[in-house]
Full PDB file with SEQRES, HELIX, SHEET, SSBOND, CRYST1, ORIGX, SCALE, CONECT and MASTER records, all heavy atoms in Angstrom:
SEQRES   1 A   41  GLY LEU MET HIS TRP GLU ILE GLY GLY TYR GLU PRO LYS          
SEQRES   2 A   41  ASP ILE GLU VAL VAL ALA ALA PHE ASP VAL ASP GLN ARG          
SEQRES   3 A   41  LYS VAL GLY GLN ASP VAL SER LYS ALA ILE PHE ALA LYS          
SEQRES   4 A   41  PRO ASN                                                      
HELIX    1 AA1 PRO A   12  ASP A   14  5                                   3    
HELIX    2 AA2 VAL A   32  ALA A   35  1                                   4    
CRYST1    1.000    1.000    1.000  90.00  90.00  90.00 P 1           1          
ORIGX1      1.000000  0.000000  0.000000        0.00000                         
ORIGX2      0.000000  1.000000  0.000000        0.00000                         
ORIGX3      0.000000  0.000000  1.000000        0.00000                         
SCALE1      1.000000  0.000000  0.000000        0.00000                         
SCALE2      0.000000  1.000000  0.000000        0.00000                         
SCALE3      0.000000  0.000000  1.000000        0.00000                         
ATOM      1  N   GLY A   1      13.151  70.925  24.280  1.00  0.00           N  
ATOM      2  CA  GLY A   1      14.317  70.339  23.641  1.00  0.00           C  
ATOM      3  C   GLY A   1      14.052  69.539  22.383  1.00  0.00           C  
ATOM      4  O   GLY A   1      14.966  68.908  21.859  1.00  0.00           O  
ATOM      5  N   LEU A   2      12.815  69.560  21.883  1.00  0.00           N  
ATOM      6  CA  LEU A   2      12.503  68.855  20.644  1.00  0.00           C  
ATOM      7  C   LEU A   2      12.216  69.848  19.522  1.00  0.00           C  
ATOM      8  O   LEU A   2      11.547  70.845  19.736  1.00  0.00           O  
ATOM      9  CB  LEU A   2      11.289  67.950  20.824  1.00  0.00           C  
ATOM     10  CG  LEU A   2      11.476  66.730  21.728  1.00  0.00           C  
ATOM     11  CD1 LEU A   2      10.130  66.086  22.010  1.00  0.00           C  
ATOM     12  CD2 LEU A   2      12.419  65.718  21.099  1.00  0.00           C  
ATOM     13  N   MET A   3      12.722  69.557  18.336  1.00  0.00           N  
ATOM     14  CA  MET A   3      12.434  70.399  17.182  1.00  0.00           C  
ATOM     15  C   MET A   3      11.064  70.078  16.611  1.00  0.00           C  
ATOM     16  O   MET A   3      10.396  70.948  16.069  1.00  0.00           O  
ATOM     17  CB  MET A   3      13.536  70.223  16.136  1.00  0.00           C  
ATOM     18  CG  MET A   3      14.904  70.667  16.638  1.00  0.00           C  
ATOM     19  SD  MET A   3      16.233  70.530  15.423  1.00  0.00           S  
ATOM     20  CE  MET A   3      16.370  68.765  15.203  1.00  0.00           C  
ATOM     21  N   HIS A   4      10.644  68.814  16.716  1.00  0.00           N  
ATOM     22  CA  HIS A   4       9.308  68.392  16.302  1.00  0.00           C  
ATOM     23  C   HIS A   4       8.776  67.430  17.354  1.00  0.00           C  
ATOM     24  O   HIS A   4       9.417  66.417  17.648  1.00  0.00           O  
ATOM     25  CB  HIS A   4       9.328  67.678  14.942  1.00  0.00           C  
ATOM     26  CG  HIS A   4       9.735  68.532  13.790  1.00  0.00           C  
ATOM     27  ND1 HIS A   4      11.059  68.711  13.437  1.00  0.00           N  
ATOM     28  CD2 HIS A   4       9.004  69.257  12.910  1.00  0.00           C  
ATOM     29  CE1 HIS A   4      11.116  69.507  12.383  1.00  0.00           C  
ATOM     30  NE2 HIS A   4       9.883  69.855  12.041  1.00  0.00           N  
ATOM     31  N   TRP A   5       7.609  67.730  17.904  1.00  0.00           N  
ATOM     32  CA  TRP A   5       7.006  66.807  18.861  1.00  0.00           C  
ATOM     33  C   TRP A   5       6.488  65.562  18.148  1.00  0.00           C  
ATOM     34  O   TRP A   5       6.689  64.440  18.603  1.00  0.00           O  
ATOM     35  CB  TRP A   5       5.874  67.493  19.624  1.00  0.00           C  
ATOM     36  CG  TRP A   5       5.063  66.547  20.477  1.00  0.00           C  
ATOM     37  CD1 TRP A   5       3.774  66.146  20.261  1.00  0.00           C  
ATOM     38  CD2 TRP A   5       5.492  65.869  21.660  1.00  0.00           C  
ATOM     39  NE1 TRP A   5       3.381  65.259  21.240  1.00  0.00           N  
ATOM     40  CE2 TRP A   5       4.413  65.072  22.111  1.00  0.00           C  
ATOM     41  CE3 TRP A   5       6.689  65.854  22.375  1.00  0.00           C  
ATOM     42  CZ2 TRP A   5       4.496  64.268  23.252  1.00  0.00           C  
ATOM     43  CZ3 TRP A   5       6.774  65.049  23.510  1.00  0.00           C  
ATOM     44  CH2 TRP A   5       5.685  64.277  23.937  1.00  0.00           C  
ATOM     45  N   GLU A   6       5.876  65.759  16.997  1.00  0.00           N  
ATOM     46  CA  GLU A   6       5.277  64.648  16.254  1.00  0.00           C  
ATOM     47  C   GLU A   6       5.711  64.718  14.799  1.00  0.00           C  
ATOM     48  O   GLU A   6       5.744  65.784  14.194  1.00  0.00           O  
ATOM     49  CB  GLU A   6       3.749  64.739  16.343  1.00  0.00           C  
ATOM     50  CG  GLU A   6       3.015  63.612  15.639  1.00  0.00           C  
ATOM     51  CD  GLU A   6       1.512  63.811  15.663  1.00  0.00           C  
ATOM     52  OE1 GLU A   6       0.915  63.746  16.755  1.00  0.00           O  
ATOM     53  OE2 GLU A   6       0.941  64.053  14.582  1.00  0.00           O  
ATOM     54  N   ILE A   7       6.073  63.579  14.250  1.00  0.00           N  
ATOM     55  CA  ILE A   7       6.425  63.479  12.831  1.00  0.00           C  
ATOM     56  C   ILE A   7       5.715  62.257  12.267  1.00  0.00           C  
ATOM     57  O   ILE A   7       5.934  61.131  12.737  1.00  0.00           O  
ATOM     58  CB  ILE A   7       7.950  63.346  12.623  1.00  0.00           C  
ATOM     59  CG1 ILE A   7       8.667  64.638  13.050  1.00  0.00           C  
ATOM     60  CG2 ILE A   7       8.269  63.027  11.158  1.00  0.00           C  
ATOM     61  CD1 ILE A   7      10.177  64.575  12.941  1.00  0.00           C  
ATOM     62  N   GLY A   8       4.846  62.481  11.305  1.00  0.00           N  
ATOM     63  CA  GLY A   8       4.119  61.373  10.696  1.00  0.00           C  
ATOM     64  C   GLY A   8       3.259  60.606  11.679  1.00  0.00           C  
ATOM     65  O   GLY A   8       2.985  59.416  11.482  1.00  0.00           O  
ATOM     66  N   GLY A   9       2.847  61.289  12.745  1.00  0.00           N  
ATOM     67  CA  GLY A   9       2.043  60.645  13.775  1.00  0.00           C  
ATOM     68  C   GLY A   9       2.862  59.993  14.866  1.00  0.00           C  
ATOM     69  O   GLY A   9       2.304  59.473  15.844  1.00  0.00           O  
ATOM     70  N   TYR A  10       4.189  60.029  14.754  1.00  0.00           N  
ATOM     71  CA  TYR A  10       5.071  59.371  15.719  1.00  0.00           C  
ATOM     72  C   TYR A  10       5.653  60.367  16.716  1.00  0.00           C  
ATOM     73  O   TYR A  10       6.211  61.398  16.326  1.00  0.00           O  
ATOM     74  CB  TYR A  10       6.214  58.652  15.001  1.00  0.00           C  
ATOM     75  CG  TYR A  10       5.752  57.506  14.132  1.00  0.00           C  
ATOM     76  CD1 TYR A  10       5.611  57.680  12.753  1.00  0.00           C  
ATOM     77  CD2 TYR A  10       5.438  56.274  14.684  1.00  0.00           C  
ATOM     78  CE1 TYR A  10       5.180  56.637  11.940  1.00  0.00           C  
ATOM     79  CE2 TYR A  10       5.003  55.220  13.882  1.00  0.00           C  
ATOM     80  CZ  TYR A  10       4.876  55.408  12.520  1.00  0.00           C  
ATOM     81  OH  TYR A  10       4.441  54.379  11.720  1.00  0.00           O  
ATOM     82  N   GLU A  11       5.540  60.056  17.995  1.00  0.00           N  
ATOM     83  CA  GLU A  11       6.159  60.815  19.072  1.00  0.00           C  
ATOM     84  C   GLU A  11       7.437  60.088  19.504  1.00  0.00           C  
ATOM     85  O   GLU A  11       7.658  58.934  19.111  1.00  0.00           O  
ATOM     86  CB  GLU A  11       5.182  60.940  20.248  1.00  0.00           C  
ATOM     87  CG  GLU A  11       3.907  61.696  19.899  1.00  0.00           C  
ATOM     88  CD  GLU A  11       2.897  61.719  21.034  1.00  0.00           C  
ATOM     89  OE1 GLU A  11       3.232  61.249  22.152  1.00  0.00           O  
ATOM     90  OE2 GLU A  11       1.762  62.194  20.798  1.00  0.00           O  
ATOM     91  N   PRO A  12       8.287  60.731  20.312  1.00  0.00           N  
ATOM     92  CA  PRO A  12       9.524  60.064  20.746  1.00  0.00           C  
ATOM     93  C   PRO A  12       9.299  58.695  21.378  1.00  0.00           C  
ATOM     94  O   PRO A  12      10.083  57.764  21.163  1.00  0.00           O  
ATOM     95  CB  PRO A  12      10.108  61.059  21.751  1.00  0.00           C  
ATOM     96  CG  PRO A  12       9.629  62.387  21.269  1.00  0.00           C  
ATOM     97  CD  PRO A  12       8.250  62.134  20.750  1.00  0.00           C  
ATOM     98  N   LYS A  13       8.238  58.536  22.150  1.00  0.00           N  
ATOM     99  CA  LYS A  13       7.969  57.269  22.846  1.00  0.00           C  
ATOM    100  C   LYS A  13       7.675  56.121  21.891  1.00  0.00           C  
ATOM    101  O   LYS A  13       7.675  54.945  22.298  1.00  0.00           O  
ATOM    102  CB  LYS A  13       6.791  57.442  23.805  1.00  0.00           C  
ATOM    103  CG  LYS A  13       5.456  57.676  23.108  1.00  0.00           C  
ATOM    104  CD  LYS A  13       4.319  57.872  24.089  1.00  0.00           C  
ATOM    105  CE  LYS A  13       2.993  58.118  23.358  1.00  0.00           C  
ATOM    106  NZ  LYS A  13       1.883  58.375  24.298  1.00  0.00           N  
ATOM    107  N   ASP A  14       7.426  56.426  20.619  1.00  0.00           N  
ATOM    108  CA  ASP A  14       7.097  55.391  19.645  1.00  0.00           C  
ATOM    109  C   ASP A  14       8.331  54.728  19.040  1.00  0.00           C  
ATOM    110  O   ASP A  14       8.211  53.859  18.167  1.00  0.00           O  
ATOM    111  CB  ASP A  14       6.222  55.973  18.530  1.00  0.00           C  
ATOM    112  CG  ASP A  14       4.877  56.462  19.052  1.00  0.00           C  
ATOM    113  OD1 ASP A  14       4.284  55.748  19.879  1.00  0.00           O  
ATOM    114  OD2 ASP A  14       4.440  57.559  18.660  1.00  0.00           O  
ATOM    115  N   ILE A  15       9.518  55.122  19.498  1.00  0.00           N  
ATOM    116  CA  ILE A  15      10.769  54.516  19.040  1.00  0.00           C  
ATOM    117  C   ILE A  15      11.156  53.399  20.010  1.00  0.00           C  
ATOM    118  O   ILE A  15      11.123  53.584  21.228  1.00  0.00           O  
ATOM    119  CB  ILE A  15      11.893  55.563  18.954  1.00  0.00           C  
ATOM    120  CG1 ILE A  15      11.512  56.681  17.967  1.00  0.00           C  
ATOM    121  CG2 ILE A  15      13.208  54.921  18.534  1.00  0.00           C  
ATOM    122  CD1 ILE A  15      12.440  57.879  18.004  1.00  0.00           C  
ATOM    123  N   GLU A  16      11.523  52.257  19.473  1.00  0.00           N  
ATOM    124  CA  GLU A  16      11.880  51.101  20.299  1.00  0.00           C  
ATOM    125  C   GLU A  16      13.197  50.507  19.810  1.00  0.00           C  
ATOM    126  O   GLU A  16      13.364  50.223  18.620  1.00  0.00           O  
ATOM    127  CB  GLU A  16      10.777  50.044  20.238  1.00  0.00           C  
ATOM    128  CG  GLU A  16      11.072  48.791  21.038  1.00  0.00           C  
ATOM    129  CD  GLU A  16      10.018  47.715  20.860  1.00  0.00           C  
ATOM    130  OE1 GLU A  16       9.138  47.874  19.988  1.00  0.00           O  
ATOM    131  OE2 GLU A  16      10.070  46.706  21.591  1.00  0.00           O  
ATOM    132  N   VAL A  17      14.135  50.311  20.730  1.00  0.00           N  
ATOM    133  CA  VAL A  17      15.400  49.654  20.394  1.00  0.00           C  
ATOM    134  C   VAL A  17      15.190  48.148  20.439  1.00  0.00           C  
ATOM    135  O   VAL A  17      14.815  47.598  21.480  1.00  0.00           O  
ATOM    136  CB  VAL A  17      16.519  50.060  21.363  1.00  0.00           C  
ATOM    137  CG1 VAL A  17      17.824  49.342  21.003  1.00  0.00           C  
ATOM    138  CG2 VAL A  17      16.738  51.572  21.345  1.00  0.00           C  
ATOM    139  N   VAL A  18      15.413  47.484  19.311  1.00  0.00           N  
ATOM    140  CA  VAL A  18      15.193  46.038  19.249  1.00  0.00           C  
ATOM    141  C   VAL A  18      16.492  45.260  19.066  1.00  0.00           C  
ATOM    142  O   VAL A  18      16.504  44.027  19.178  1.00  0.00           O  
ATOM    143  CB  VAL A  18      14.200  45.666  18.127  1.00  0.00           C  
ATOM    144  CG1 VAL A  18      12.830  46.269  18.414  1.00  0.00           C  
ATOM    145  CG2 VAL A  18      14.708  46.109  16.755  1.00  0.00           C  
ATOM    146  N   ALA A  19      17.607  45.958  18.803  1.00  0.00           N  
ATOM    147  CA  ALA A  19      18.914  45.305  18.676  1.00  0.00           C  
ATOM    148  C   ALA A  19      19.997  46.353  18.873  1.00  0.00           C  
ATOM    149  O   ALA A  19      19.773  47.552  18.652  1.00  0.00           O  
ATOM    150  CB  ALA A  19      19.067  44.638  17.310  1.00  0.00           C  
ATOM    151  N   ALA A  20      21.156  45.888  19.322  1.00  0.00           N  
ATOM    152  CA  ALA A  20      22.290  46.800  19.542  1.00  0.00           C  
ATOM    153  C   ALA A  20      23.583  46.011  19.404  1.00  0.00           C  
ATOM    154  O   ALA A  20      23.628  44.810  19.706  1.00  0.00           O  
ATOM    155  CB  ALA A  20      22.199  47.450  20.920  1.00  0.00           C  
ATOM    156  N   PHE A  21      24.625  46.705  18.962  1.00  0.00           N  
ATOM    157  CA  PHE A  21      25.935  46.085  18.758  1.00  0.00           C  
ATOM    158  C   PHE A  21      27.006  46.941  19.417  1.00  0.00           C  
ATOM    159  O   PHE A  21      26.983  48.167  19.312  1.00  0.00           O  
ATOM    160  CB  PHE A  21      26.239  45.944  17.259  1.00  0.00           C  
ATOM    161  CG  PHE A  21      25.210  45.182  16.490  1.00  0.00           C  
ATOM    162  CD1 PHE A  21      24.124  45.847  15.904  1.00  0.00           C  
ATOM    163  CD2 PHE A  21      25.296  43.805  16.355  1.00  0.00           C  
ATOM    164  CE1 PHE A  21      23.162  45.153  15.192  1.00  0.00           C  
ATOM    165  CE2 PHE A  21      24.327  43.105  15.639  1.00  0.00           C  
ATOM    166  CZ  PHE A  21      23.258  43.781  15.060  1.00  0.00           C  
ATOM    167  N   ASP A  22      27.957  46.292  20.072  1.00  0.00           N  
ATOM    168  CA  ASP A  22      29.103  46.983  20.660  1.00  0.00           C  
ATOM    169  C   ASP A  22      30.244  45.980  20.749  1.00  0.00           C  
ATOM    170  O   ASP A  22      30.059  44.781  20.488  1.00  0.00           O  
ATOM    171  CB  ASP A  22      28.756  47.559  22.038  1.00  0.00           C  
ATOM    172  CG  ASP A  22      29.616  48.750  22.409  1.00  0.00           C  
ATOM    173  OD1 ASP A  22      30.772  48.550  22.853  1.00  0.00           O  
ATOM    174  OD2 ASP A  22      29.158  49.905  22.239  1.00  0.00           O  
ATOM    175  N   VAL A  23      31.436  46.487  21.110  1.00  0.00           N  
ATOM    176  CA  VAL A  23      32.601  45.596  21.210  1.00  0.00           C  
ATOM    177  C   VAL A  23      33.256  45.655  22.587  1.00  0.00           C  
ATOM    178  O   VAL A  23      34.260  44.996  22.825  1.00  0.00           O  
ATOM    179  CB  VAL A  23      33.655  45.929  20.120  1.00  0.00           C  
ATOM    180  CG1 VAL A  23      33.080  45.684  18.734  1.00  0.00           C  
ATOM    181  CG2 VAL A  23      34.149  47.368  20.253  1.00  0.00           C  
ATOM    182  N   ASP A  24      32.685  46.458  23.498  1.00  0.00           N  
ATOM    183  CA  ASP A  24      33.249  46.613  24.832  1.00  0.00           C  
ATOM    184  C   ASP A  24      32.707  45.529  25.761  1.00  0.00           C  
ATOM    185  O   ASP A  24      31.498  45.293  25.807  1.00  0.00           O  
ATOM    186  CB  ASP A  24      32.907  48.000  25.382  1.00  0.00           C  
ATOM    187  CG  ASP A  24      33.720  48.354  26.623  1.00  0.00           C  
ATOM    188  OD1 ASP A  24      33.532  47.686  27.659  1.00  0.00           O  
ATOM    189  OD2 ASP A  24      34.520  49.295  26.563  1.00  0.00           O  
ATOM    190  N   GLN A  25      33.590  44.883  26.513  1.00  0.00           N  
ATOM    191  CA  GLN A  25      33.184  43.762  27.362  1.00  0.00           C  
ATOM    192  C   GLN A  25      32.211  44.171  28.474  1.00  0.00           C  
ATOM    193  O   GLN A  25      31.499  43.333  29.027  1.00  0.00           O  
ATOM    194  CB  GLN A  25      34.407  43.075  27.976  1.00  0.00           C  
ATOM    195  CG  GLN A  25      35.149  43.881  29.018  1.00  0.00           C  
ATOM    196  CD  GLN A  25      36.337  43.126  29.599  1.00  0.00           C  
ATOM    197  OE1 GLN A  25      36.908  42.251  28.939  1.00  0.00           O  
ATOM    198  NE2 GLN A  25      36.718  43.458  30.822  1.00  0.00           N  
ATOM    199  N   ARG A  26      32.165  45.481  28.804  1.00  0.00           N  
ATOM    200  CA  ARG A  26      31.247  45.943  29.839  1.00  0.00           C  
ATOM    201  C   ARG A  26      29.824  46.142  29.299  1.00  0.00           C  
ATOM    202  O   ARG A  26      28.894  46.391  30.071  1.00  0.00           O  
ATOM    203  CB  ARG A  26      31.762  47.251  30.442  1.00  0.00           C  
ATOM    204  CG  ARG A  26      33.051  47.088  31.238  1.00  0.00           C  
ATOM    205  CD  ARG A  26      33.794  48.392  31.438  1.00  0.00           C  
ATOM    206  NE  ARG A  26      34.330  48.926  30.195  1.00  0.00           N  
ATOM    207  CZ  ARG A  26      35.170  49.969  30.130  1.00  0.00           C  
ATOM    208  NH1 ARG A  26      35.549  50.574  31.247  1.00  0.00           N  
ATOM    209  NH2 ARG A  26      35.615  50.394  28.973  1.00  0.00           N  
ATOM    210  N   LYS A  27      29.670  46.012  27.985  1.00  0.00           N  
ATOM    211  CA  LYS A  27      28.367  46.234  27.353  1.00  0.00           C  
ATOM    212  C   LYS A  27      27.827  44.995  26.656  1.00  0.00           C  
ATOM    213  O   LYS A  27      26.619  44.736  26.691  1.00  0.00           O  
ATOM    214  CB  LYS A  27      28.467  47.404  26.356  1.00  0.00           C  
ATOM    215  CG  LYS A  27      28.818  48.719  27.038  1.00  0.00           C  
ATOM    216  CD  LYS A  27      29.035  49.837  26.044  1.00  0.00           C  
ATOM    217  CE  LYS A  27      29.434  51.126  26.760  1.00  0.00           C  
ATOM    218  NZ  LYS A  27      29.723  52.220  25.820  1.00  0.00           N  
ATOM    219  N   VAL A  28      28.708  44.243  26.009  1.00  0.00           N  
ATOM    220  CA  VAL A  28      28.271  43.045  25.280  1.00  0.00           C  
ATOM    221  C   VAL A  28      27.614  42.062  26.256  1.00  0.00           C  
ATOM    222  O   VAL A  28      28.157  41.744  27.307  1.00  0.00           O  
ATOM    223  CB  VAL A  28      29.460  42.382  24.561  1.00  0.00           C  
ATOM    224  CG1 VAL A  28      29.026  41.055  23.921  1.00  0.00           C  
ATOM    225  CG2 VAL A  28      30.037  43.315  23.510  1.00  0.00           C  
ATOM    226  N   GLY A  29      26.399  41.618  25.892  1.00  0.00           N  
ATOM    227  CA  GLY A  29      25.666  40.676  26.731  1.00  0.00           C  
ATOM    228  C   GLY A  29      24.784  41.328  27.763  1.00  0.00           C  
ATOM    229  O   GLY A  29      23.955  40.658  28.401  1.00  0.00           O  
ATOM    230  N   GLN A  30      24.941  42.625  27.964  1.00  0.00           N  
ATOM    231  CA  GLN A  30      24.122  43.355  28.932  1.00  0.00           C  
ATOM    232  C   GLN A  30      22.816  43.828  28.282  1.00  0.00           C  
ATOM    233  O   GLN A  30      22.754  44.055  27.076  1.00  0.00           O  
ATOM    234  CB  GLN A  30      24.877  44.588  29.449  1.00  0.00           C  
ATOM    235  CG  GLN A  30      26.087  44.278  30.287  1.00  0.00           C  
ATOM    236  CD  GLN A  30      25.719  43.643  31.623  1.00  0.00           C  
ATOM    237  OE1 GLN A  30      24.748  44.041  32.261  1.00  0.00           O  
ATOM    238  NE2 GLN A  30      26.488  42.646  32.024  1.00  0.00           N  
ATOM    239  N   ASP A  31      21.780  43.981  29.111  1.00  0.00           N  
ATOM    240  CA  ASP A  31      20.571  44.612  28.623  1.00  0.00           C  
ATOM    241  C   ASP A  31      20.905  46.045  28.206  1.00  0.00           C  
ATOM    242  O   ASP A  31      21.701  46.721  28.874  1.00  0.00           O  
ATOM    243  CB  ASP A  31      19.495  44.627  29.714  1.00  0.00           C  
ATOM    244  CG  ASP A  31      18.133  45.045  29.169  1.00  0.00           C  
ATOM    245  OD1 ASP A  31      17.878  46.273  29.092  1.00  0.00           O  
ATOM    246  OD2 ASP A  31      17.333  44.162  28.834  1.00  0.00           O  
ATOM    247  N   VAL A  32      20.313  46.483  27.113  1.00  0.00           N  
ATOM    248  CA  VAL A  32      20.600  47.832  26.606  1.00  0.00           C  
ATOM    249  C   VAL A  32      20.385  48.893  27.686  1.00  0.00           C  
ATOM    250  O   VAL A  32      21.144  49.866  27.776  1.00  0.00           O  
ATOM    251  CB  VAL A  32      19.718  48.133  25.368  1.00  0.00           C  
ATOM    252  CG1 VAL A  32      19.778  49.616  24.998  1.00  0.00           C  
ATOM    253  CG2 VAL A  32      20.163  47.299  24.182  1.00  0.00           C  
ATOM    254  N   SER A  33      19.391  48.698  28.539  1.00  0.00           N  
ATOM    255  CA  SER A  33      19.075  49.673  29.591  1.00  0.00           C  
ATOM    256  C   SER A  33      20.213  49.849  30.579  1.00  0.00           C  
ATOM    257  O   SER A  33      20.344  50.907  31.206  1.00  0.00           O  
ATOM    258  CB  SER A  33      17.814  49.254  30.343  1.00  0.00           C  
ATOM    259  OG  SER A  33      18.020  48.016  31.017  1.00  0.00           O  
ATOM    260  N   LYS A  34      21.056  48.820  30.732  1.00  0.00           N  
ATOM    261  CA  LYS A  34      22.219  48.903  31.622  1.00  0.00           C  
ATOM    262  C   LYS A  34      23.478  49.317  30.848  1.00  0.00           C  
ATOM    263  O   LYS A  34      24.323  50.052  31.360  1.00  0.00           O  
ATOM    264  CB  LYS A  34      22.441  47.569  32.321  1.00  0.00           C  
ATOM    265  CG  LYS A  34      21.357  47.230  33.347  1.00  0.00           C  
ATOM    266  CD  LYS A  34      21.690  45.942  34.079  1.00  0.00           C  
ATOM    267  CE  LYS A  34      20.715  45.737  35.247  1.00  0.00           C  
ATOM    268  NZ  LYS A  34      19.307  45.737  34.831  1.00  0.00           N  
ATOM    269  N   ALA A  35      23.595  48.828  29.610  1.00  0.00           N  
ATOM    270  CA  ALA A  35      24.784  49.117  28.805  1.00  0.00           C  
ATOM    271  C   ALA A  35      24.963  50.610  28.554  1.00  0.00           C  
ATOM    272  O   ALA A  35      26.089  51.105  28.473  1.00  0.00           O  
ATOM    273  CB  ALA A  35      24.701  48.367  27.478  1.00  0.00           C  
ATOM    274  N   ILE A  36      23.856  51.351  28.444  1.00  0.00           N  
ATOM    275  CA  ILE A  36      23.977  52.784  28.145  1.00  0.00           C  
ATOM    276  C   ILE A  36      24.602  53.571  29.289  1.00  0.00           C  
ATOM    277  O   ILE A  36      25.045  54.705  29.093  1.00  0.00           O  
ATOM    278  CB  ILE A  36      22.612  53.414  27.766  1.00  0.00           C  
ATOM    279  CG1 ILE A  36      21.593  53.271  28.895  1.00  0.00           C  
ATOM    280  CG2 ILE A  36      22.096  52.828  26.469  1.00  0.00           C  
ATOM    281  CD1 ILE A  36      20.286  54.008  28.646  1.00  0.00           C  
ATOM    282  N   PHE A  37      24.668  52.976  30.488  1.00  0.00           N  
ATOM    283  CA  PHE A  37      25.266  53.662  31.633  1.00  0.00           C  
ATOM    284  C   PHE A  37      26.628  53.081  32.014  1.00  0.00           C  
ATOM    285  O   PHE A  37      27.226  53.485  33.009  1.00  0.00           O  
ATOM    286  CB  PHE A  37      24.322  53.595  32.837  1.00  0.00           C  
ATOM    287  CG  PHE A  37      22.984  54.251  32.594  1.00  0.00           C  
ATOM    288  CD1 PHE A  37      21.803  53.536  32.713  1.00  0.00           C  
ATOM    289  CD2 PHE A  37      22.912  55.590  32.227  1.00  0.00           C  
ATOM    290  CE1 PHE A  37      20.569  54.147  32.493  1.00  0.00           C  
ATOM    291  CE2 PHE A  37      21.686  56.207  31.987  1.00  0.00           C  
ATOM    292  CZ  PHE A  37      20.511  55.481  32.121  1.00  0.00           C  
ATOM    293  N   ALA A  38      27.114  52.119  31.224  1.00  0.00           N  
ATOM    294  CA  ALA A  38      28.398  51.476  31.523  1.00  0.00           C  
ATOM    295  C   ALA A  38      29.558  52.338  31.029  1.00  0.00           C  
ATOM    296  O   ALA A  38      29.429  53.104  30.075  1.00  0.00           O  
ATOM    297  CB  ALA A  38      28.448  50.098  30.876  1.00  0.00           C  
ATOM    298  N   LYS A  39      30.708  52.205  31.697  1.00  0.00           N  
ATOM    299  CA  LYS A  39      31.924  52.884  31.241  1.00  0.00           C  
ATOM    300  C   LYS A  39      32.281  52.388  29.856  1.00  0.00           C  
ATOM    301  O   LYS A  39      31.986  51.247  29.503  1.00  0.00           O  
ATOM    302  CB  LYS A  39      33.082  52.605  32.209  1.00  0.00           C  
ATOM    303  CG  LYS A  39      32.915  53.219  33.585  1.00  0.00           C  
ATOM    304  CD  LYS A  39      33.082  54.721  33.540  1.00  0.00           C  
ATOM    305  CE  LYS A  39      33.075  55.303  34.939  1.00  0.00           C  
ATOM    306  NZ  LYS A  39      33.215  56.770  34.935  1.00  0.00           N  
ATOM    307  N   PRO A  40      32.926  53.198  29.032  1.00  0.00           N  
ATOM    308  CA  PRO A  40      33.432  54.540  29.322  1.00  0.00           C  
ATOM    309  C   PRO A  40      32.431  55.670  29.107  1.00  0.00           C  
ATOM    310  O   PRO A  40      32.827  56.820  29.009  1.00  0.00           O  
ATOM    311  CB  PRO A  40      34.598  54.664  28.338  1.00  0.00           C  
ATOM    312  CG  PRO A  40      34.144  53.881  27.137  1.00  0.00           C  
ATOM    313  CD  PRO A  40      33.353  52.727  27.689  1.00  0.00           C  
ATOM    314  N   ASN A  41      31.136  55.352  28.997  1.00  0.00           N  
ATOM    315  CA  ASN A  41      30.134  56.407  28.828  1.00  0.00           C  
ATOM    316  C   ASN A  41      30.215  57.407  29.970  1.00  0.00           C  
ATOM    317  O   ASN A  41      30.385  57.018  31.137  1.00  0.00           O  
ATOM    318  CB  ASN A  41      28.721  55.810  28.760  1.00  0.00           C  
ATOM    319  CG  ASN A  41      28.500  55.014  27.487  1.00  0.00           C  
ATOM    320  OD1 ASN A  41      29.416  54.784  26.714  1.00  0.00           O  
ATOM    321  ND2 ASN A  41      27.265  54.584  27.263  1.00  0.00           N  
TER     322      ASN A  41                                                      
MASTER        0    0    0    2    0    0    0    6  321    1    0    4          
END                                                                             
């Protein structure tokens, strides 16, 4: 499912989310790891 495994020496695991913004009360204030599974997703 990847078009490129490595780009410039970077693999998918080398991406890190360090900030996120939303306006839904079920996501704001939540850890990103939980917010991605919150409704209405």
